[in-house]
């Protein structure tokens, strides 16, 4: 199975609300800081794009979309506008026209703020599709904290369970939670499209703070695809990476850590 014959969808729509003092697109934060951690060279998103297999790339955009386009213009990517930031499921739904246009059989779904995931790991995700319709990238953390966990039966992934649910599991069911979700996937393109039709029919009602008040909005969760496919007896597998490799950037502290790890790589 040739990973170079796959396509990729990269989520780069978010503002990064916890990046205090930064108003730009989170995926354009620098890996090589200069005057501050928010200023410098080598945007996170460029590192992600260069580590992905060759093949068509679709970038989901929203916040500062023009800046994302300008920063990535050399990659020949398609830009997929997510009109409403309605979750990771909403981001992949925004990519449906791009997915429908492809000839490639396999698709990687990743995020623009996980720059330390290496080419070999993306290759392993694609290779694992030999025998699976969907593959989840996961890691075994030092501390489970509040991560979403993979509930498994043997080597088969049944569903991804968020912390607010798994924290109250019985000890027997807790024993089925083996790894944490890294938020990166590989899928058979035609199967993915079929299940995106179903994902679009099951939004979640979520309370969010907007303008200083709580409002209820509809969001779509990409993680729902795992249970939808598994419930239909499709094969959902897993590939493991180190906790360091899948580090994402959600806070200034996380950005400093990723910048330091990148510097150590040389």
Foldseek 3Di string as FASTA:
>chain_A
DDQLLEEEEAEFADQLVQAPPDGAGQQQQALAADPDSRDDDDGLQVLVLVQHHHDEYEYEYHGPRVVVCVVCVVNPYHYFYQPDCFEPLSSVLSCLVVLVPDPGFKYKYYYSFQNLAGNVQNVVQVVVCPQAFKEFEWEADPDCPFFFFFQDDVQFTQFTHTSVPLVPDDPVSVVRGGTGGLRMMMGGSVVVSVCSVVQVVDWDWDWDDDPNDTDTDTHTYPRVSRNVCVVVVGGYGYDYDYPLSSQGDNHPVSSVSSSVVVVVVD
